Amino acid sequence: MMGFASLNPSYRLCSTGYAIVVLPDHLHAIWTLPEDDADFATRWRLIKSEFSRGLRGSERISPNRAAKHERGIWQRRYWEHTLRDEEDFARHAASIHFNPHFGMRAT
């Protein structure tokens, strides 16, 4: 696992980073955005872009992705989930912690 500081400077766009795990084709994170800001898409784009720049380009890339100048690393979409309470936070933080070993469990 890596910390948010490893995603410098993209992580600074998040108000607070609590947990992150980077897997072969996707990542999971718990973070908050600054107040009155719900721009998840920009955060994910910047985090994925910056992380990708640090990797050598040895992955297979489909013709479709190559035409769009995309790397073959990440899923294209993202899903956001607002944590409802401390129990929900704890459950998701545990899933992120154990994800590399067991995979994310649906909740």
PDB file of N, CA and C in Angstrom:
ATOM      1  N   MET A   1       0.831  -1.181   0.000  1.00  0.00           N
ATOM      2  CA  MET A   1       0.000   0.000   0.000  1.00  0.00           C
ATOM      3  C   MET A   1       0.875   1.242   0.000  1.00  0.00           C
ATOM      4  N   MET A   2       0.318   2.297  -0.505  1.00  0.00           N
ATOM      5  CA  MET A   2       1.047   3.553  -0.531  1.00  0.00           C
ATOM      6  C   MET A   2       0.226   4.622   0.155  1.00  0.00           C
ATOM      7  N   GLY A   3       0.862   5.699   0.554  1.00  0.00           N
ATOM      8  CA  GLY A   3       0.156   6.779   1.207  1.00  0.00           C
ATOM      9  C   GLY A   3      -0.202   7.883   0.239  1.00  0.00           C
ATOM     10  N   PHE A   4      -1.043   8.783   0.678  1.00  0.00           N
ATOM     11  CA  PHE A   4      -1.440   9.902  -0.159  1.00  0.00           C
ATOM     12  C   PHE A   4      -0.249  10.777  -0.507  1.00  0.00           C
ATOM     13  N   ALA A   5       0.731  10.868   0.378  1.00  0.00           N
ATOM     14  CA  ALA A   5       1.890  11.705   0.096  1.00  0.00           C
ATOM     15  C   ALA A   5       2.628  11.222  -1.140  1.00  0.00           C
ATOM     16  N   SER A   6       2.524   9.947  -1.470  1.00  0.00           N
ATOM     17  CA  SER A   6       3.167   9.410  -2.664  1.00  0.00           C
ATOM     18  C   SER A   6       2.529   9.945  -3.936  1.00  0.00           C
ATOM     19  N   LEU A   7       1.347  10.502  -3.841  1.00  0.00           N
ATOM     20  CA  LEU A   7       0.635  11.025  -4.996  1.00  0.00           C
ATOM     21  C   LEU A   7       0.849  12.534  -5.131  1.00  0.00           C
ATOM     22  N   ASN A   8       1.923  13.029  -4.637  1.00  0.00           N
ATOM     23  CA  ASN A   8       2.248  14.440  -4.655  1.00  0.00           C
ATOM     24  C   ASN A   8       2.281  14.967  -6.093  1.00  0.00           C
ATOM     25  N   PRO A   9       1.688  16.090  -6.460  1.00  0.00           N
ATOM     26  CA  PRO A   9       0.901  16.983  -5.606  1.00  0.00           C
ATOM     27  C   PRO A   9      -0.608  16.755  -5.715  1.00  0.00           C
ATOM     28  N   SER A  10      -1.035  15.759  -6.483  1.00  0.00           N
ATOM     29  CA  SER A  10      -2.476  15.564  -6.701  1.00  0.00           C
ATOM     30  C   SER A  10      -3.258  15.378  -5.410  1.00  0.00           C
ATOM     31  N   TYR A  11      -2.664  14.690  -4.438  1.00  0.00           N
ATOM     32  CA  TYR A  11      -3.394  14.426  -3.205  1.00  0.00           C
ATOM     33  C   TYR A  11      -3.744  15.703  -2.474  1.00  0.00           C
ATOM     34  N   ARG A  12      -3.002  16.775  -2.716  1.00  0.00           N
ATOM     35  CA  ARG A  12      -3.289  18.034  -2.031  1.00  0.00           C
ATOM     36  C   ARG A  12      -4.635  18.614  -2.431  1.00  0.00           C
ATOM     37  N   LEU A  13      -5.195  18.137  -3.535  1.00  0.00           N
ATOM     38  CA  LEU A  13      -6.509  18.613  -3.953  1.00  0.00           C
ATOM     39  C   LEU A  13      -7.618  18.030  -3.086  1.00  0.00           C
ATOM     40  N   CYS A  14      -7.275  17.045  -2.268  1.00  0.00           N
ATOM     41  CA  CYS A  14      -8.226  16.472  -1.325  1.00  0.00           C
ATOM     42  C   CYS A  14      -8.005  17.181   0.007  1.00  0.00           C
ATOM     43  N   SER A  15      -9.074  17.423   0.713  1.00  0.00           N
ATOM     44  CA  SER A  15      -8.953  18.082   2.000  1.00  0.00           C
ATOM     45  C   SER A  15      -8.193  17.192   2.978  1.00  0.00           C
ATOM     46  N   THR A  16      -8.587  15.919   3.058  1.00  0.00           N
ATOM     47  CA  THR A  16      -7.937  14.959   3.942  1.00  0.00           C
ATOM     48  C   THR A  16      -7.936  13.599   3.277  1.00  0.00           C
ATOM     49  N   GLY A  17      -6.807  12.914   3.305  1.00  0.00           N
ATOM     50  CA  GLY A  17      -6.715  11.554   2.796  1.00  0.00           C
ATOM     51  C   GLY A  17      -6.588  10.589   3.953  1.00  0.00           C
ATOM     52  N   TYR A  18      -7.441   9.578   3.989  1.00  0.00           N
ATOM     53  CA  TYR A  18      -7.455   8.640   5.104  1.00  0.00           C
ATOM     54  C   TYR A  18      -6.879   7.279   4.740  1.00  0.00           C
ATOM     55  N   ALA A  19      -7.156   6.807   3.545  1.00  0.00           N
ATOM     56  CA  ALA A  19      -6.696   5.468   3.149  1.00  0.00           C
ATOM     57  C   ALA A  19      -6.665   5.388   1.630  1.00  0.00           C
ATOM     58  N   ILE A  20      -5.703   4.621   1.109  1.00  0.00           N
ATOM     59  CA  ILE A  20      -5.637   4.400  -0.329  1.00  0.00           C
ATOM     60  C   ILE A  20      -4.954   3.060  -0.577  1.00  0.00           C
ATOM     61  N   VAL A  21      -5.410   2.369  -1.614  1.00  0.00           N
ATOM     62  CA  VAL A  21      -4.738   1.165  -2.078  1.00  0.00           C
ATOM     63  C   VAL A  21      -4.754   1.207  -3.603  1.00  0.00           C
ATOM     64  N   VAL A  22      -3.593   0.938  -4.207  1.00  0.00           N
ATOM     65  CA  VAL A  22      -3.467   0.916  -5.656  1.00  0.00           C
ATOM     66  C   VAL A  22      -3.299  -0.536  -6.072  1.00  0.00           C
ATOM     67  N   LEU A  23      -4.185  -1.003  -6.936  1.00  0.00           N
ATOM     68  CA  LEU A  23      -4.182  -2.373  -7.442  1.00  0.00           C
ATOM     69  C   LEU A  23      -3.836  -2.352  -8.923  1.00  0.00           C
ATOM     70  N   PRO A  24      -3.672  -3.509  -9.548  1.00  0.00           N
ATOM     71  CA  PRO A  24      -3.220  -3.528 -10.946  1.00  0.00           C
ATOM     72  C   PRO A  24      -4.059  -2.715 -11.929  1.00  0.00           C
ATOM     73  N   ASP A  25      -5.372  -2.636 -11.749  1.00  0.00           N
ATOM     74  CA  ASP A  25      -6.172  -1.899 -12.727  1.00  0.00           C
ATOM     75  C   ASP A  25      -7.134  -0.898 -12.114  1.00  0.00           C
ATOM     76  N   HIS A  26      -7.067  -0.715 -10.804  1.00  0.00           N
ATOM     77  CA  HIS A  26      -7.937   0.264 -10.165  1.00  0.00           C
ATOM     78  C   HIS A  26      -7.376   0.621  -8.798  1.00  0.00           C
ATOM     79  N   LEU A  27      -8.017   1.579  -8.149  1.00  0.00           N
ATOM     80  CA  LEU A  27      -7.615   1.938  -6.802  1.00  0.00           C
ATOM     81  C   LEU A  27      -8.840   2.267  -5.981  1.00  0.00           C
ATOM     82  N   HIS A  28      -8.654   2.225  -4.680  1.00  0.00           N
ATOM     83  CA  HIS A  28      -9.702   2.596  -3.728  1.00  0.00           C
ATOM     84  C   HIS A  28      -9.105   3.627  -2.790  1.00  0.00           C
ATOM     85  N   ALA A  29      -9.903   4.586  -2.393  1.00  0.00           N
ATOM     86  CA  ALA A  29      -9.412   5.615  -1.485  1.00  0.00           C
ATOM     87  C   ALA A  29     -10.560   6.151  -0.651  1.00  0.00           C
ATOM     88  N   ILE A  30     -10.204   6.616   0.522  1.00  0.00           N
ATOM     89  CA  ILE A  30     -11.138   7.368   1.367  1.00  0.00           C
ATOM     90  C   ILE A  30     -10.500   8.733   1.562  1.00  0.00           C
ATOM     91  N   TRP A  31     -11.189   9.765   1.108  1.00  0.00           N
ATOM     92  CA  TRP A  31     -10.719  11.118   1.268  1.00  0.00           C
ATOM     93  C   TRP A  31     -11.904  12.059   1.292  1.00  0.00           C
ATOM     94  N   THR A  32     -11.659  13.241   1.797  1.00  0.00           N
ATOM     95  CA  THR A  32     -12.695  14.273   1.792  1.00  0.00           C
ATOM     96  C   THR A  32     -12.245  15.388   0.858  1.00  0.00           C
ATOM     97  N   LEU A  33     -13.202  16.079   0.329  1.00  0.00           N
ATOM     98  CA  LEU A  33     -12.938  17.231  -0.522  1.00  0.00           C
ATOM     99  C   LEU A  33     -13.142  18.498   0.290  1.00  0.00           C
ATOM    100  N   PRO A  34     -12.567  19.594  -0.160  1.00  0.00           N
ATOM    101  CA  PRO A  34     -12.834  20.864   0.517  1.00  0.00           C
ATOM    102  C   PRO A  34     -14.340  21.153   0.512  1.00  0.00           C
ATOM    103  N   GLU A  35     -14.784  21.914   1.478  1.00  0.00           N
ATOM    104  CA  GLU A  35     -16.205  22.263   1.549  1.00  0.00           C
ATOM    105  C   GLU A  35     -16.661  22.929   0.264  1.00  0.00           C
ATOM    106  N   ASP A  36     -17.912  22.690  -0.098  1.00  0.00           N
ATOM    107  CA  ASP A  36     -18.515  23.262  -1.301  1.00  0.00           C
ATOM    108  C   ASP A  36     -17.800  22.848  -2.584  1.00  0.00           C
ATOM    109  N   ASP A  37     -17.215  21.666  -2.577  1.00  0.00           N
ATOM    110  CA  ASP A  37     -16.503  21.168  -3.747  1.00  0.00           C
ATOM    111  C   ASP A  37     -16.795  19.683  -3.881  1.00  0.00           C
ATOM    112  N   ALA A  38     -17.392  19.296  -4.996  1.00  0.00           N
ATOM    113  CA  ALA A  38     -17.725  17.888  -5.225  1.00  0.00           C
ATOM    114  C   ALA A  38     -17.123  17.390  -6.537  1.00  0.00           C
ATOM    115  N   ASP A  39     -15.994  17.938  -6.923  1.00  0.00           N
ATOM    116  CA  ASP A  39     -15.387  17.602  -8.205  1.00  0.00           C
ATOM    117  C   ASP A  39     -14.525  16.340  -8.100  1.00  0.00           C
ATOM    118  N   PHE A  40     -15.197  15.195  -7.936  1.00  0.00           N
ATOM    119  CA  PHE A  40     -14.497  13.913  -7.843  1.00  0.00           C
ATOM    120  C   PHE A  40     -13.743  13.602  -9.136  1.00  0.00           C
ATOM    121  N   ALA A  41     -14.367  13.898 -10.264  1.00  0.00           N
ATOM    122  CA  ALA A  41     -13.791  13.524 -11.561  1.00  0.00           C
ATOM    123  C   ALA A  41     -12.397  14.115 -11.755  1.00  0.00           C
ATOM    124  N   THR A  42     -12.228  15.388 -11.422  1.00  0.00           N
ATOM    125  CA  THR A  42     -10.916  16.005 -11.581  1.00  0.00           C
ATOM    126  C   THR A  42      -9.899  15.355 -10.656  1.00  0.00           C
ATOM    127  N   ARG A  43     -10.292  15.080  -9.413  1.00  0.00           N
ATOM    128  CA  ARG A  43      -9.360  14.450  -8.471  1.00  0.00           C
ATOM    129  C   ARG A  43      -8.888  13.102  -9.004  1.00  0.00           C
ATOM    130  N   TRP A  44      -9.834  12.266  -9.418  1.00  0.00           N
ATOM    131  CA  TRP A  44      -9.448  10.936  -9.917  1.00  0.00           C
ATOM    132  C   TRP A  44      -8.571  11.048 -11.160  1.00  0.00           C
ATOM    133  N   ARG A  45      -8.908  11.947 -12.068  1.00  0.00           N
ATOM    134  CA  ARG A  45      -8.099  12.108 -13.279  1.00  0.00           C
ATOM    135  C   ARG A  45      -6.669  12.504 -12.929  1.00  0.00           C
ATOM    136  N   LEU A  46      -6.515  13.464 -12.031  1.00  0.00           N
ATOM    137  CA  LEU A  46      -5.178  13.918 -11.656  1.00  0.00           C
ATOM    138  C   LEU A  46      -4.397  12.839 -10.905  1.00  0.00           C
ATOM    139  N   ILE A  47      -5.048  12.167  -9.985  1.00  0.00           N
ATOM    140  CA  ILE A  47      -4.368  11.105  -9.229  1.00  0.00           C
ATOM    141  C   ILE A  47      -3.928   9.988 -10.159  1.00  0.00           C
ATOM    142  N   LYS A  48      -4.827   9.535 -11.031  1.00  0.00           N
ATOM    143  CA  LYS A  48      -4.479   8.455 -11.961  1.00  0.00           C
ATOM    144  C   LYS A  48      -3.382   8.898 -12.932  1.00  0.00           C
ATOM    145  N   SER A  49      -3.485  10.112 -13.444  1.00  0.00           N
ATOM    146  CA  SER A  49      -2.487  10.616 -14.399  1.00  0.00           C
ATOM    147  C   SER A  49      -1.109  10.706 -13.762  1.00  0.00           C
ATOM    148  N   GLU A  50      -1.059  11.294 -12.585  1.00  0.00           N
ATOM    149  CA  GLU A  50       0.237  11.467 -11.941  1.00  0.00           C
ATOM    150  C   GLU A  50       0.854  10.123 -11.563  1.00  0.00           C
ATOM    151  N   PHE A  51       0.056   9.229 -11.045  1.00  0.00           N
ATOM    152  CA  PHE A  51       0.573   7.901 -10.697  1.00  0.00           C
ATOM    153  C   PHE A  51       1.104   7.200 -11.950  1.00  0.00           C
ATOM    154  N   SER A  52       0.343   7.287 -13.044  1.00  0.00           N
ATOM    155  CA  SER A  52       0.724   6.616 -14.295  1.00  0.00           C
ATOM    156  C   SER A  52       2.043   7.140 -14.848  1.00  0.00           C
ATOM    157  N   ARG A  53       2.290   8.425 -14.698  1.00  0.00           N
ATOM    158  CA  ARG A  53       3.535   9.009 -15.200  1.00  0.00           C
ATOM    159  C   ARG A  53       4.765   8.418 -14.522  1.00  0.00           C
ATOM    160  N   GLY A  54       4.585   7.894 -13.317  1.00  0.00           N
ATOM    161  CA  GLY A  54       5.697   7.307 -12.587  1.00  0.00           C
ATOM    162  C   GLY A  54       5.990   5.864 -12.964  1.00  0.00           C
ATOM    163  N   LEU A  55       5.190   5.296 -13.851  1.00  0.00           N
ATOM    164  CA  LEU A  55       5.377   3.905 -14.267  1.00  0.00           C
ATOM    165  C   LEU A  55       5.905   3.841 -15.686  1.00  0.00           C
ATOM    166  N   ARG A  56       6.761   2.869 -15.942  1.00  0.00           N
ATOM    167  CA  ARG A  56       7.201   2.688 -17.332  1.00  0.00           C
ATOM    168  C   ARG A  56       6.035   2.134 -18.140  1.00  0.00           C
ATOM    169  N   GLY A  57       5.996   2.436 -19.384  1.00  0.00           N
ATOM    170  CA  GLY A  57       4.873   2.066 -20.246  1.00  0.00           C
ATOM    171  C   GLY A  57       5.016   0.696 -20.869  1.00  0.00           C
ATOM    172  N   SER A  58       4.888  -0.351 -20.069  1.00  0.00           N
ATOM    173  CA  SER A  58       5.067  -1.702 -20.596  1.00  0.00           C
ATOM    174  C   SER A  58       3.760  -2.490 -20.696  1.00  0.00           C
ATOM    175  N   GLU A  59       2.645  -1.881 -20.295  1.00  0.00           N
ATOM    176  CA  GLU A  59       1.369  -2.599 -20.335  1.00  0.00           C
ATOM    177  C   GLU A  59       0.832  -2.663 -21.764  1.00  0.00           C
ATOM    178  N   ARG A  60      -0.023  -3.644 -22.006  1.00  0.00           N
ATOM    179  CA  ARG A  60      -0.675  -3.738 -23.325  1.00  0.00           C
ATOM    180  C   ARG A  60      -1.743  -2.662 -23.421  1.00  0.00           C
ATOM    181  N   ILE A  61      -1.819  -2.045 -24.581  1.00  0.00           N
ATOM    182  CA  ILE A  61      -2.799  -0.986 -24.802  1.00  0.00           C
ATOM    183  C   ILE A  61      -3.616  -1.339 -26.030  1.00  0.00           C
ATOM    184  N   SER A  62      -4.931  -1.317 -25.864  1.00  0.00           N
ATOM    185  CA  SER A  62      -5.812  -1.612 -26.989  1.00  0.00           C
ATOM    186  C   SER A  62      -5.728  -0.480 -28.008  1.00  0.00           C
ATOM    187  N   PRO A  63      -6.057  -0.770 -29.266  1.00  0.00           N
ATOM    188  CA  PRO A  63      -6.059   0.296 -30.279  1.00  0.00           C
ATOM    189  C   PRO A  63      -6.966   1.472 -29.891  1.00  0.00           C
ATOM    190  N   ASN A  64      -8.088   1.165 -29.254  1.00  0.00           N
ATOM    191  CA  ASN A  64      -9.018   2.203 -28.826  1.00  0.00           C
ATOM    192  C   ASN A  64      -8.365   3.131 -27.795  1.00  0.00           C
ATOM    193  N   ARG A  65      -7.687   2.552 -26.815  1.00  0.00           N
ATOM    194  CA  ARG A  65      -7.010   3.372 -25.803  1.00  0.00           C
ATOM    195  C   ARG A  65      -5.847   4.140 -26.416  1.00  0.00           C
ATOM    196  N   ALA A  66      -5.115   3.499 -27.311  1.00  0.00           N
ATOM    197  CA  ALA A  66      -3.981   4.181 -27.961  1.00  0.00           C
ATOM    198  C   ALA A  66      -4.470   5.397 -28.739  1.00  0.00           C
ATOM    199  N   ALA A  67      -5.606   5.269 -29.419  1.00  0.00           N
ATOM    200  CA  ALA A  67      -6.149   6.388 -30.191  1.00  0.00           C
ATOM    201  C   ALA A  67      -6.533   7.557 -29.289  1.00  0.00           C
ATOM    202  N   LYS A  68      -6.893   7.255 -28.024  1.00  0.00           N
ATOM    203  CA  LYS A  68      -7.277   8.297 -27.072  1.00  0.00           C
ATOM    204  C   LYS A  68      -6.110   8.712 -26.176  1.00  0.00           C
ATOM    205  N   HIS A  69      -4.906   8.205 -26.481  1.00  0.00           N
ATOM    206  CA  HIS A  69      -3.702   8.499 -25.701  1.00  0.00           C
ATOM    207  C   HIS A  69      -3.866   8.095 -24.242  1.00  0.00           C
ATOM    208  N   GLU A  70      -4.506   6.948 -24.018  1.00  0.00           N
ATOM    209  CA  GLU A  70      -4.691   6.429 -22.668  1.00  0.00           C
ATOM    210  C   GLU A  70      -3.702   5.302 -22.409  1.00  0.00           C
ATOM    211  N   ARG A  71      -3.340   5.158 -21.162  1.00  0.00           N
ATOM    212  CA  ARG A  71      -2.535   4.015 -20.753  1.00  0.00           C
ATOM    213  C   ARG A  71      -3.487   2.844 -20.521  1.00  0.00           C
ATOM    214  N   GLY A  72      -2.975   1.664 -20.455  1.00  0.00           N
ATOM    215  CA  GLY A  72      -3.807   0.483 -20.228  1.00  0.00           C
ATOM    216  C   GLY A  72      -3.861   0.067 -18.780  1.00  0.00           C
ATOM    217  N   ILE A  73      -3.756   1.025 -17.872  1.00  0.00           N
ATOM    218  CA  ILE A  73      -3.645   0.727 -16.442  1.00  0.00           C
ATOM    219  C   ILE A  73      -5.000   0.732 -15.746  1.00  0.00           C
ATOM    220  N   TRP A  74      -5.761   1.786 -15.927  1.00  0.00           N
ATOM    221  CA  TRP A  74      -6.920   2.049 -15.079  1.00  0.00           C
ATOM    222  C   TRP A  74      -8.243   1.726 -15.747  1.00  0.00           C
ATOM    223  N   GLN A  75      -9.215   1.419 -14.914  1.00  0.00           N
ATOM    224  CA  GLN A  75     -10.596   1.406 -15.375  1.00  0.00           C
ATOM    225  C   GLN A  75     -10.939   2.849 -15.716  1.00  0.00           C
ATOM    226  N   ARG A  76     -11.794   3.047 -16.692  1.00  0.00           N
ATOM    227  CA  ARG A  76     -12.120   4.412 -17.121  1.00  0.00           C
ATOM    228  C   ARG A  76     -13.041   5.143 -16.156  1.00  0.00           C
ATOM    229  N   ARG A  77     -13.883   4.435 -15.496  1.00  0.00           N
ATOM    230  CA  ARG A  77     -14.894   5.091 -14.652  1.00  0.00           C
ATOM    231  C   ARG A  77     -14.437   5.141 -13.196  1.00  0.00           C
ATOM    232  N   TYR A  78     -15.224   5.814 -12.410  1.00  0.00           N
ATOM    233  CA  TYR A  78     -15.022   5.799 -10.966  1.00  0.00           C
ATOM    234  C   TYR A  78     -16.396   5.752 -10.316  1.00  0.00           C
ATOM    235  N   TRP A  79     -16.443   5.272  -9.097  1.00  0.00           N
ATOM    236  CA  TRP A  79     -17.677   5.230  -8.330  1.00  0.00           C
ATOM    237  C   TRP A  79     -17.402   5.919  -7.015  1.00  0.00           C
ATOM    238  N   GLU A  80     -18.284   6.805  -6.666  1.00  0.00           N
ATOM    239  CA  GLU A  80     -18.141   7.493  -5.389  1.00  0.00           C
ATOM    240  C   GLU A  80     -19.178   6.956  -4.424  1.00  0.00           C
ATOM    241  N   HIS A  81     -18.861   7.024  -3.178  1.00  0.00           N
ATOM    242  CA  HIS A  81     -19.774   6.578  -2.125  1.00  0.00           C
ATOM    243  C   HIS A  81     -19.579   7.507  -0.940  1.00  0.00           C
ATOM    244  N   THR A  82     -20.635   8.125  -0.491  1.00  0.00           N
ATOM    245  CA  THR A  82     -20.558   8.965   0.694  1.00  0.00           C
ATOM    246  C   THR A  82     -20.665   8.074   1.920  1.00  0.00           C
ATOM    247  N   LEU A  83     -19.672   8.143   2.777  1.00  0.00           N
ATOM    248  CA  LEU A  83     -19.688   7.331   3.991  1.00  0.00           C
ATOM    249  C   LEU A  83     -20.749   7.885   4.935  1.00  0.00           C
ATOM    250  N   ARG A  84     -21.602   6.995   5.400  1.00  0.00           N
ATOM    251  CA  ARG A  84     -22.773   7.404   6.176  1.00  0.00           C
ATOM    252  C   ARG A  84     -22.482   7.673   7.644  1.00  0.00           C
ATOM    253  N   ASP A  85     -21.565   6.894   8.224  1.00  0.00           N
ATOM    254  CA  ASP A  85     -21.300   7.016   9.653  1.00  0.00           C
ATOM    255  C   ASP A  85     -19.960   6.355   9.970  1.00  0.00           C
ATOM    256  N   GLU A  86     -19.586   6.316  11.234  1.00  0.00           N
ATOM    257  CA  GLU A  86     -18.299   5.746  11.636  1.00  0.00           C
ATOM    258  C   GLU A  86     -18.199   4.261  11.291  1.00  0.00           C
ATOM    259  N   GLU A  87     -19.308   3.551  11.409  1.00  0.00           N
ATOM    260  CA  GLU A  87     -19.301   2.118  11.077  1.00  0.00           C
ATOM    261  C   GLU A  87     -19.036   1.910   9.584  1.00  0.00           C
ATOM    262  N   ASP A  88     -19.667   2.723   8.758  1.00  0.00           N
ATOM    263  CA  ASP A  88     -19.453   2.651   7.311  1.00  0.00           C
ATOM    264  C   ASP A  88     -17.997   2.991   6.982  1.00  0.00           C
ATOM    265  N   PHE A  89     -17.461   4.032   7.643  1.00  0.00           N
ATOM    266  CA  PHE A  89     -16.060   4.402   7.463  1.00  0.00           C
ATOM    267  C   PHE A  89     -15.153   3.230   7.829  1.00  0.00           C
ATOM    268  N   ALA A  90     -15.380   2.634   8.993  1.00  0.00           N
ATOM    269  CA  ALA A  90     -14.535   1.523   9.455  1.00  0.00           C
ATOM    270  C   ALA A  90     -14.603   0.342   8.493  1.00  0.00           C
ATOM    271  N   ARG A  91     -15.773   0.047   7.995  1.00  0.00           N
ATOM    272  CA  ARG A  91     -15.945  -1.076   7.062  1.00  0.00           C
ATOM    273  C   ARG A  91     -15.174  -0.822   5.765  1.00  0.00           C
ATOM    274  N   HIS A  92     -15.271   0.378   5.231  1.00  0.00           N
ATOM    275  CA  HIS A  92     -14.565   0.693   3.988  1.00  0.00           C
ATOM    276  C   HIS A  92     -13.052   0.788   4.204  1.00  0.00           C
ATOM    277  N   ALA A  93     -12.630   1.344   5.325  1.00  0.00           N
ATOM    278  CA  ALA A  93     -11.189   1.405   5.619  1.00  0.00           C
ATOM    279  C   ALA A  93     -10.618  -0.005   5.745  1.00  0.00           C
ATOM    280  N   ALA A  94     -11.342  -0.906   6.383  1.00  0.00           N
ATOM    281  CA  ALA A  94     -10.883  -2.294   6.497  1.00  0.00           C
ATOM    282  C   ALA A  94     -10.834  -2.955   5.123  1.00  0.00           C
ATOM    283  N   SER A  95     -11.818  -2.680   4.285  1.00  0.00           N
ATOM    284  CA  SER A  95     -11.811  -3.253   2.933  1.00  0.00           C
ATOM    285  C   SER A  95     -10.608  -2.762   2.141  1.00  0.00           C
ATOM    286  N   ILE A  96     -10.281  -1.487   2.277  1.00  0.00           N
ATOM    287  CA  ILE A  96      -9.118  -0.952   1.579  1.00  0.00           C
ATOM    288  C   ILE A  96      -7.840  -1.607   2.113  1.00  0.00           C
ATOM    289  N   HIS A  97      -7.768  -1.760   3.417  1.00  0.00           N
ATOM    290  CA  HIS A  97      -6.583  -2.368   4.021  1.00  0.00           C
ATOM    291  C   HIS A  97      -6.382  -3.807   3.542  1.00  0.00           C
ATOM    292  N   PHE A  98      -7.471  -4.585   3.492  1.00  0.00           N
ATOM    293  CA  PHE A  98      -7.357  -5.993   3.133  1.00  0.00           C
ATOM    294  C   PHE A  98      -7.549  -6.261   1.650  1.00  0.00           C
ATOM    295  N   ASN A  99      -7.904  -5.256   0.859  1.00  0.00           N
ATOM    296  CA  ASN A  99      -8.171  -5.435  -0.563  1.00  0.00           C
ATOM    297  C   ASN A  99      -7.056  -6.135  -1.314  1.00  0.00           C
ATOM    298  N   PRO A 100      -5.800  -5.778  -1.106  1.00  0.00           N
ATOM    299  CA  PRO A 100      -4.736  -6.455  -1.860  1.00  0.00           C
ATOM    300  C   PRO A 100      -4.676  -7.955  -1.583  1.00  0.00           C
ATOM    301  N   HIS A 101      -5.197  -8.376  -0.451  1.00  0.00           N
ATOM    302  CA  HIS A 101      -5.122  -9.781  -0.071  1.00  0.00           C
ATOM    303  C   HIS A 101      -6.369 -10.566  -0.445  1.00  0.00           C
ATOM    304  N   PHE A 102      -7.536  -9.951  -0.294  1.00  0.00           N
ATOM    305  CA  PHE A 102      -8.785 -10.701  -0.450  1.00  0.00           C
ATOM    306  C   PHE A 102      -9.760 -10.132  -1.471  1.00  0.00           C
ATOM    307  N   GLY A 103      -9.542  -8.942  -1.943  1.00  0.00           N
ATOM    308  CA  GLY A 103     -10.489  -8.321  -2.867  1.00  0.00           C
ATOM    309  C   GLY A 103     -11.568  -7.580  -2.113  1.00  0.00           C
ATOM    310  N   MET A 104     -12.147  -6.597  -2.777  1.00  0.00           N
ATOM    311  CA  MET A 104     -13.186  -5.757  -2.170  1.00  0.00           C
ATOM    312  C   MET A 104     -14.476  -6.527  -2.062  1.00  0.00           C
ATOM    313  N   ARG A 105     -15.085  -6.505  -0.909  1.00  0.00           N
ATOM    314  CA  ARG A 105     -16.375  -7.150  -0.711  1.00  0.00           C
ATOM    315  C   ARG A 105     -17.477  -6.117  -0.908  1.00  0.00           C
ATOM    316  N   ALA A 106     -18.517  -6.513  -1.589  1.00  0.00           N
ATOM    317  CA  ALA A 106     -19.646  -5.594  -1.793  1.00  0.00           C
ATOM    318  C   ALA A 106     -20.318  -5.315  -0.458  1.00  0.00           C
ATOM    319  N   THR A 107     -20.742  -4.066  -0.274  1.00  0.00           N
ATOM    320  CA  THR A 107     -21.453  -3.716   0.959  1.00  0.00           C
ATOM    321  C   THR A 107     -22.787  -3.130   0.619  1.00  0.00           C
TER     322      THR A 107
END
